[in-house]
N, C-alpha and C. Protein backbone atom coordinates (compact mmCIF):
# COMPACT_ATOMS: atom_id res chain seq x y z
N MET A 1 -29.43 2.10 63.25
CA MET A 1 -30.58 2.23 64.13
C MET A 1 -30.26 1.52 65.43
N SER A 2 -30.52 2.18 66.53
CA SER A 2 -30.22 1.60 67.83
C SER A 2 -31.27 0.56 68.23
N TYR A 3 -30.94 -0.18 69.27
CA TYR A 3 -31.85 -1.22 69.77
C TYR A 3 -33.17 -0.60 70.24
N GLN A 4 -33.09 0.54 70.91
CA GLN A 4 -34.29 1.21 71.43
C GLN A 4 -35.21 1.63 70.29
N GLN A 5 -34.64 2.15 69.21
CA GLN A 5 -35.45 2.56 68.06
C GLN A 5 -36.13 1.35 67.41
N LYS A 6 -35.41 0.24 67.30
CA LYS A 6 -35.99 -0.97 66.70
C LYS A 6 -37.10 -1.53 67.58
N GLN A 7 -36.94 -1.41 68.88
CA GLN A 7 -37.94 -1.95 69.81
C GLN A 7 -39.23 -1.14 69.75
N ASN A 8 -39.17 0.17 69.60
CA ASN A 8 -40.35 1.04 69.55
C ASN A 8 -40.99 1.08 68.17
N LYS A 9 -40.32 0.57 67.17
CA LYS A 9 -40.81 0.65 65.80
C LYS A 9 -42.17 -0.03 65.58
N PRO A 10 -42.41 -1.26 66.05
CA PRO A 10 -43.72 -1.88 65.81
C PRO A 10 -44.88 -1.10 66.43
N SER A 11 -44.70 -0.56 67.61
CA SER A 11 -45.80 0.18 68.23
C SER A 11 -46.05 1.50 67.51
N SER A 12 -44.99 2.14 66.99
CA SER A 12 -45.20 3.38 66.25
C SER A 12 -45.89 3.09 64.91
N ASP A 13 -45.55 1.96 64.29
CA ASP A 13 -46.23 1.57 63.05
C ASP A 13 -47.70 1.28 63.31
N LEU A 14 -47.98 0.63 64.42
CA LEU A 14 -49.36 0.32 64.78
C LEU A 14 -50.16 1.60 64.97
N MET A 15 -49.60 2.56 65.66
CA MET A 15 -50.30 3.82 65.88
C MET A 15 -50.47 4.59 64.58
N ARG A 16 -49.48 4.50 63.72
CA ARG A 16 -49.57 5.20 62.42
C ARG A 16 -50.72 4.64 61.58
N TYR A 17 -50.80 3.32 61.48
CA TYR A 17 -51.84 2.70 60.67
C TYR A 17 -53.21 2.81 61.35
N ALA A 18 -53.24 2.81 62.66
CA ALA A 18 -54.51 3.04 63.36
C ALA A 18 -55.00 4.45 63.09
N GLY A 19 -54.09 5.39 63.03
CA GLY A 19 -54.45 6.77 62.69
C GLY A 19 -55.00 6.88 61.28
N LEU A 20 -54.39 6.18 60.34
CA LEU A 20 -54.90 6.19 58.96
C LEU A 20 -56.28 5.56 58.89
N GLY A 21 -56.49 4.49 59.64
CA GLY A 21 -57.82 3.86 59.68
C GLY A 21 -58.86 4.79 60.26
N SER A 22 -58.49 5.52 61.29
CA SER A 22 -59.41 6.49 61.90
C SER A 22 -59.75 7.60 60.92
N GLN A 23 -58.76 8.05 60.16
CA GLN A 23 -59.01 9.09 59.16
C GLN A 23 -59.98 8.61 58.10
N ILE A 24 -59.81 7.37 57.65
CA ILE A 24 -60.71 6.82 56.63
C ILE A 24 -62.14 6.74 57.18
N PHE A 25 -62.28 6.24 58.40
CA PHE A 25 -63.59 6.11 59.03
C PHE A 25 -64.26 7.47 59.20
N ALA A 26 -63.54 8.46 59.68
CA ALA A 26 -64.09 9.79 59.90
C ALA A 26 -64.44 10.46 58.57
N ALA A 27 -63.58 10.32 57.58
CA ALA A 27 -63.83 10.94 56.28
C ALA A 27 -65.06 10.34 55.61
N LEU A 28 -65.23 9.03 55.72
CA LEU A 28 -66.42 8.40 55.15
C LEU A 28 -67.70 8.85 55.87
N GLY A 29 -67.63 8.95 57.17
CA GLY A 29 -68.79 9.43 57.93
C GLY A 29 -69.18 10.84 57.55
N ILE A 30 -68.19 11.71 57.42
CA ILE A 30 -68.47 13.10 57.03
C ILE A 30 -69.02 13.15 55.61
N ALA A 31 -68.47 12.34 54.71
CA ALA A 31 -68.94 12.33 53.33
C ALA A 31 -70.39 11.86 53.23
N VAL A 32 -70.75 10.85 54.00
CA VAL A 32 -72.14 10.37 54.00
C VAL A 32 -73.06 11.46 54.55
N PHE A 33 -72.65 12.09 55.64
CA PHE A 33 -73.48 13.15 56.24
C PHE A 33 -73.66 14.32 55.27
N VAL A 34 -72.58 14.77 54.65
CA VAL A 34 -72.66 15.89 53.70
C VAL A 34 -73.50 15.49 52.49
N GLY A 35 -73.34 14.27 52.00
CA GLY A 35 -74.14 13.81 50.87
C GLY A 35 -75.62 13.75 51.21
N TYR A 36 -75.92 13.29 52.42
CA TYR A 36 -77.32 13.22 52.87
C TYR A 36 -77.94 14.61 52.95
N LYS A 37 -77.22 15.55 53.55
CA LYS A 37 -77.72 16.92 53.67
C LYS A 37 -77.83 17.59 52.31
N ALA A 38 -76.87 17.35 51.43
CA ALA A 38 -76.92 17.95 50.09
C ALA A 38 -78.09 17.39 49.28
N ASP A 39 -78.35 16.11 49.40
CA ASP A 39 -79.50 15.53 48.70
C ASP A 39 -80.81 16.09 49.24
N ALA A 40 -80.88 16.30 50.55
CA ALA A 40 -82.09 16.88 51.13
C ALA A 40 -82.26 18.32 50.68
N TRP A 41 -81.16 19.06 50.62
CA TRP A 41 -81.22 20.47 50.21
C TRP A 41 -81.61 20.59 48.74
N LEU A 42 -81.10 19.70 47.91
CA LEU A 42 -81.42 19.72 46.47
C LEU A 42 -82.76 19.07 46.17
N LYS A 43 -83.34 18.40 47.16
CA LYS A 43 -84.61 17.66 47.00
C LYS A 43 -84.51 16.68 45.83
N ALA A 44 -83.40 15.97 45.79
CA ALA A 44 -83.16 15.01 44.72
C ALA A 44 -84.07 13.79 44.89
N PRO A 45 -84.68 13.32 43.80
CA PRO A 45 -85.54 12.14 43.91
C PRO A 45 -84.72 10.86 44.17
N LEU A 46 -83.46 10.88 43.82
CA LEU A 46 -82.57 9.74 44.00
C LEU A 46 -81.41 10.18 44.90
N PRO A 47 -81.09 9.45 45.94
CA PRO A 47 -80.00 9.87 46.84
C PRO A 47 -78.62 9.65 46.20
N LEU A 48 -78.33 10.42 45.19
CA LEU A 48 -77.12 10.22 44.41
C LEU A 48 -75.86 10.66 45.15
N LEU A 49 -75.90 11.80 45.82
CA LEU A 49 -74.71 12.30 46.50
C LEU A 49 -74.32 11.46 47.72
N VAL A 50 -75.29 10.79 48.31
CA VAL A 50 -74.99 9.90 49.43
C VAL A 50 -74.10 8.74 48.95
N TRP A 51 -74.21 8.39 47.70
CA TRP A 51 -73.39 7.31 47.16
C TRP A 51 -72.10 7.83 46.52
N ILE A 52 -72.17 8.96 45.84
CA ILE A 52 -71.02 9.46 45.09
C ILE A 52 -69.94 10.02 46.01
N LEU A 53 -70.31 10.86 46.97
CA LEU A 53 -69.31 11.49 47.83
C LEU A 53 -68.48 10.47 48.63
N PRO A 54 -69.10 9.50 49.30
CA PRO A 54 -68.26 8.51 50.00
C PRO A 54 -67.37 7.70 49.06
N PHE A 55 -67.85 7.42 47.85
CA PHE A 55 -67.03 6.70 46.88
C PHE A 55 -65.80 7.50 46.50
N VAL A 56 -65.98 8.79 46.24
CA VAL A 56 -64.86 9.66 45.90
C VAL A 56 -63.88 9.75 47.07
N VAL A 57 -64.42 9.93 48.28
CA VAL A 57 -63.57 10.02 49.47
C VAL A 57 -62.81 8.71 49.67
N LEU A 58 -63.46 7.59 49.48
CA LEU A 58 -62.80 6.30 49.64
C LEU A 58 -61.67 6.13 48.63
N CYS A 59 -61.89 6.53 47.39
CA CYS A 59 -60.83 6.44 46.38
C CYS A 59 -59.64 7.32 46.76
N LEU A 60 -59.92 8.53 47.24
CA LEU A 60 -58.84 9.44 47.64
C LEU A 60 -58.09 8.91 48.86
N MET A 61 -58.80 8.32 49.81
CA MET A 61 -58.15 7.80 51.00
C MET A 61 -57.32 6.56 50.68
N ILE A 62 -57.77 5.73 49.77
CA ILE A 62 -56.97 4.57 49.35
C ILE A 62 -55.71 5.04 48.64
N TYR A 63 -55.83 6.07 47.82
CA TYR A 63 -54.66 6.66 47.16
C TYR A 63 -53.67 7.17 48.20
N LYS A 64 -54.19 7.87 49.21
CA LYS A 64 -53.33 8.39 50.28
C LYS A 64 -52.66 7.24 51.05
N LEU A 65 -53.41 6.19 51.32
CA LEU A 65 -52.88 5.03 52.03
C LEU A 65 -51.75 4.37 51.24
N ILE A 66 -51.93 4.24 49.94
CA ILE A 66 -50.90 3.64 49.09
C ILE A 66 -49.65 4.52 49.08
N LYS A 67 -49.84 5.84 48.98
CA LYS A 67 -48.69 6.74 49.01
C LYS A 67 -47.94 6.66 50.33
N GLU A 68 -48.68 6.63 51.44
CA GLU A 68 -48.05 6.57 52.76
C GLU A 68 -47.29 5.27 52.96
N THR A 69 -47.87 4.16 52.55
CA THR A 69 -47.20 2.88 52.78
C THR A 69 -46.03 2.69 51.82
N SER A 70 -46.11 3.20 50.60
CA SER A 70 -44.98 3.07 49.70
C SER A 70 -43.84 3.98 50.14
N LYS A 71 -44.16 5.14 50.70
CA LYS A 71 -43.13 6.02 51.24
C LYS A 71 -42.43 5.33 52.40
N ARG A 72 -43.20 4.61 53.21
CA ARG A 72 -42.64 3.88 54.35
C ARG A 72 -41.72 2.77 53.87
N ASN A 73 -42.10 2.08 52.81
CA ASN A 73 -41.27 1.00 52.28
C ASN A 73 -39.97 1.53 51.68
N LYS A 74 -40.03 2.71 51.05
CA LYS A 74 -38.81 3.29 50.47
C LYS A 74 -37.82 3.66 51.56
N THR A 75 -38.31 4.19 52.69
CA THR A 75 -37.41 4.54 53.79
C THR A 75 -36.83 3.28 54.42
N ASN A 76 -37.58 2.21 54.48
CA ASN A 76 -37.06 0.95 55.01
C ASN A 76 -35.98 0.37 54.10
N ALA A 77 -36.14 0.52 52.80
CA ALA A 77 -35.17 -0.01 51.85
C ALA A 77 -33.85 0.75 51.92
N GLU A 78 -33.93 2.05 52.21
CA GLU A 78 -32.73 2.87 52.30
C GLU A 78 -31.94 2.64 53.57
N SER A 79 -32.60 2.19 54.65
CA SER A 79 -31.92 1.99 55.93
C SER A 79 -31.09 0.75 55.93
């Protein structure tokens, strides 16, 4: 790896993780909105989907985050 690549690496990592954080934030917002609308459409007495959908999305996004960071660690170990 050249000096230029090593120098740009921290900023690219920062942008990568900032992107993942933005995805988590947007996905949770969409899940809450969809859950709210679905509960209103179903006329549910308990706002169950507002709680379940964001929880499922959060679990999936944490799984994705773990996969992405472990993939990153494997590439670092090989270099």
